[in-house]
Amino acid sequence: MILRTTDMAIAAIIYISVSALLVISAGIFFVKAIQSLMYKHQTTPYQARDRVMFLSPEYNDPLAISNRREEIIAMLERQFASSPSSDS
């Protein structure tokens, strides 16, 4: 079974098209990854602390912040009390 020239040309066009799409998608993925790293690098310590405390940056109510901290501390104490390593 010998491939004709037209079949080989069609196969070459498909191969080139798929290769180009793969290169383009890899480039887009790379750019998105770099942008994601740049965004994470620009966060300030204040923003990172708020994310750890599960509060949005515009959250300024001291009572709500205090209550949330108490909830987190109580949750951590419960987890520590139920952990197998707290035998003493």
Protein backbone atom coordinates (compact mmCIF):
# COMPACT_ATOMS: atom_id res chain seq x y z
CA MET A 1 0.00 0.00 0.00
CA ILE A 2 1.74 3.10 -1.26
CA LEU A 3 0.66 6.51 0.01
CA ARG A 4 -0.16 8.97 -2.67
CA THR A 5 1.29 12.47 -2.70
CA THR A 6 -2.05 14.04 -1.77
CA ASP A 7 -2.39 11.78 1.25
CA MET A 8 1.10 12.71 2.40
CA ALA A 9 0.36 16.41 1.89
CA ILE A 10 -2.84 16.15 3.96
CA ALA A 11 -0.96 14.27 6.71
CA ALA A 12 1.77 16.94 6.71
CA ILE A 13 -0.80 19.75 6.97
CA ILE A 14 -2.55 18.01 9.87
CA TYR A 15 0.79 17.38 11.61
CA ILE A 16 1.86 21.02 11.22
CA SER A 17 -1.55 22.28 12.41
CA VAL A 18 -1.53 20.09 15.52
CA SER A 19 2.07 21.04 16.27
CA ALA A 20 1.28 24.75 15.94
CA LEU A 21 -1.72 24.41 18.27
CA LEU A 22 0.41 22.61 20.85
CA VAL A 23 3.09 25.30 20.71
CA ILE A 24 0.49 28.08 21.03
CA SER A 25 -1.24 26.40 23.98
CA ALA A 26 2.10 25.80 25.71
CA GLY A 27 2.96 29.47 25.22
CA ILE A 28 -0.37 30.60 26.67
CA PHE A 29 0.09 28.24 29.63
CA PHE A 30 3.59 29.60 30.25
CA VAL A 31 2.41 33.23 30.14
CA LYS A 32 -0.47 32.47 32.54
CA ALA A 33 1.92 30.71 34.93
CA ILE A 34 4.32 33.66 34.90
CA GLN A 35 1.44 36.09 35.50
CA SER A 36 0.22 33.96 38.39
CA LEU A 37 3.66 33.96 39.98
CA MET A 38 4.01 37.71 39.50
CA TYR A 39 0.60 38.28 41.15
CA LYS A 40 1.47 36.10 44.14
CA HIS A 41 4.83 37.83 44.51
CA GLN A 42 3.19 41.27 44.74
CA THR A 43 1.05 40.52 47.80
CA THR A 44 1.96 42.53 50.85
CA PRO A 45 2.40 40.98 54.30
CA TYR A 46 -0.85 42.68 55.37
CA GLN A 47 -2.78 40.92 52.59
CA ALA A 48 -1.17 37.58 53.38
CA ARG A 49 -2.03 37.93 57.08
CA ASP A 50 -5.66 38.72 56.22
CA ARG A 51 -5.90 35.66 54.02
CA VAL A 52 -4.59 33.49 56.84
CA MET A 53 -7.18 34.96 59.18
CA PHE A 54 -9.92 34.42 56.55
CA LEU A 55 -10.73 38.12 56.40
CA SER A 56 -10.98 40.31 53.34
CA PRO A 57 -8.63 43.35 53.13
CA GLU A 58 -11.53 45.79 53.48
CA TYR A 59 -12.69 44.16 56.72
CA ASN A 60 -12.05 46.80 59.43
CA ASP A 61 -14.48 45.93 62.23
CA PRO A 62 -12.31 45.24 65.33
CA LEU A 63 -15.07 43.27 67.08
CA ALA A 64 -15.52 40.95 64.10
CA ILE A 65 -11.76 40.46 63.83
CA SER A 66 -11.54 39.67 67.55
CA ASN A 67 -14.44 37.20 67.36
CA ARG A 68 -12.92 35.49 64.33
CA ARG A 69 -9.58 35.13 66.09
CA GLU A 70 -11.29 33.62 69.12
CA GLU A 71 -13.08 31.13 66.86
CA ILE A 72 -9.81 30.14 65.20
CA ILE A 73 -8.03 29.73 68.55
CA ALA A 74 -10.90 27.60 69.90
CA MET A 75 -10.83 25.45 66.76
CA LEU A 76 -7.07 24.92 67.07
CA GLU A 77 -7.37 24.06 70.76
CA ARG A 78 -10.05 21.46 69.99
CA GLN A 79 -7.91 19.95 67.26
CA PHE A 80 -4.85 19.87 69.50
CA ALA A 81 -6.80 18.32 72.38
CA SER A 82 -8.10 15.54 70.14
CA SER A 83 -4.74 14.76 68.53
CA PRO A 84 -3.09 11.46 69.52
CA SER A 85 0.18 13.18 70.41
CA SER A 86 -1.33 15.10 73.35
CA ASP A 87 -1.05 12.26 75.86
CA SER A 88 0.65 14.25 78.60
